[in-house]
Amino acid sequence: MADYTITFARSARKELENLPANIAGRILRKIEALAENPRLPGVIKLQGSKNFWRLRVGDYRVVYSINDFSRSVDIVVVRHRRDVYRDL
């Protein structure tokens, strides 16, 4: 049973759907692992933000926030590494 629930921002879901199937599958497997432990090895807290974390999956980055009180992980952005930090 998963400890945390995973939710997607509408824009993050759309970005994930527009990726090639093999890349989206790799990213989804990593996101599903966040349900067990949202602070996986290799995950980095973004500097200058209260609660944004970065998950690296090849050339893509998943930016998410963790709410320990409600036991949820909210996926905010799924983008290529060259574009991910522009609008945060």
Protein backbone atom coordinates (compact mmCIF):
# COMPACT_ATOMS: atom_id res chain seq x y z
CA MET A 1 0.00 0.00 0.00
CA ALA A 2 1.29 3.45 -0.91
CA ASP A 3 2.05 5.82 1.92
CA TYR A 4 1.58 9.02 -0.12
CA THR A 5 -1.01 9.88 -2.74
CA ILE A 6 0.24 11.28 -6.04
CA THR A 7 -1.59 14.17 -7.71
CA PHE A 8 -0.72 15.95 -10.93
CA ALA A 9 -1.16 19.58 -11.86
CA ARG A 10 -3.13 19.78 -15.10
CA SER A 11 -0.14 21.24 -16.94
CA ALA A 12 2.20 18.52 -15.64
CA ARG A 13 -0.19 15.78 -16.79
CA LYS A 14 -0.41 17.37 -20.24
CA GLU A 15 3.38 17.67 -20.48
CA LEU A 16 3.75 13.99 -19.56
CA GLU A 17 1.13 12.90 -22.10
CA ASN A 18 2.95 14.76 -24.89
CA LEU A 19 6.24 12.91 -24.31
CA PRO A 20 7.22 9.79 -26.30
CA ALA A 21 5.81 6.60 -24.74
CA ASN A 22 9.18 5.13 -23.70
CA ILE A 23 10.25 8.31 -21.89
CA ALA A 24 6.85 8.80 -20.27
CA GLY A 25 6.95 5.20 -19.00
CA ARG A 26 10.35 5.73 -17.35
CA ILE A 27 9.14 8.93 -15.72
CA LEU A 28 5.91 7.32 -14.48
CA ARG A 29 7.84 4.46 -12.84
CA LYS A 30 9.94 6.99 -10.93
CA ILE A 31 6.85 9.01 -9.96
CA GLU A 32 5.15 5.85 -8.66
CA ALA A 33 8.20 5.21 -6.46
CA LEU A 34 7.57 8.60 -4.81
CA ALA A 35 4.38 7.17 -3.27
CA GLU A 36 6.50 4.92 -1.05
CA ASN A 37 9.24 7.43 -0.28
CA PRO A 38 9.01 11.01 -1.63
CA ARG A 39 12.60 11.72 -0.60
CA LEU A 40 14.36 9.08 -2.69
CA PRO A 41 18.16 8.99 -2.93
CA GLY A 42 19.24 11.47 -5.58
CA VAL A 43 16.23 13.76 -5.07
CA ILE A 44 17.26 17.33 -4.33
CA LYS A 45 15.34 20.11 -2.60
CA LEU A 46 15.38 23.20 -4.80
CA GLN A 47 17.11 26.20 -3.28
CA GLY A 48 15.04 29.34 -2.92
CA SER A 49 11.75 27.49 -2.64
CA LYS A 50 9.80 26.42 0.39
CA ASN A 51 8.83 22.95 -0.65
CA PHE A 52 9.87 22.09 -4.23
CA TRP A 53 11.88 18.95 -4.88
CA ARG A 54 13.54 17.79 -8.10
CA LEU A 55 13.61 14.24 -9.44
CA ARG A 56 15.99 13.55 -12.30
CA VAL A 57 14.97 11.02 -14.98
CA GLY A 58 17.55 11.11 -17.78
CA ASP A 59 17.28 14.48 -19.55
CA TYR A 60 13.93 15.21 -17.92
CA ARG A 61 13.12 16.70 -14.53
CA VAL A 62 10.06 16.24 -12.35
CA VAL A 63 9.45 19.08 -9.90
CA TYR A 64 7.05 18.29 -7.08
CA SER A 65 6.00 19.35 -3.62
CA ILE A 66 5.52 17.17 -0.55
CA ASN A 67 2.78 17.64 2.03
CA ASP A 68 3.61 15.41 4.99
CA PHE A 69 0.47 16.41 6.89
CA SER A 70 -1.93 15.13 4.20
CA ARG A 71 0.58 12.49 2.99
CA SER A 72 0.49 13.71 -0.61
CA VAL A 73 2.94 14.43 -3.40
CA ASP A 74 1.87 17.04 -5.97
CA ILE A 75 3.64 16.83 -9.33
CA VAL A 76 4.04 20.42 -10.54
CA VAL A 77 6.24 20.22 -13.67
CA VAL A 78 7.55 17.51 -16.00
CA ARG A 79 9.93 19.02 -18.57
CA HIS A 80 13.24 18.69 -20.35
CA ARG A 81 16.15 19.89 -18.24
CA ARG A 82 16.80 22.95 -20.43
CA ASP A 83 13.26 24.29 -19.87
CA VAL A 84 12.25 23.16 -16.40
CA TYR A 85 13.44 26.05 -14.22
CA ARG A 86 12.31 28.98 -16.38
CA ASP A 87 8.87 29.51 -14.85
CA LEU A 88 9.36 28.34 -11.26
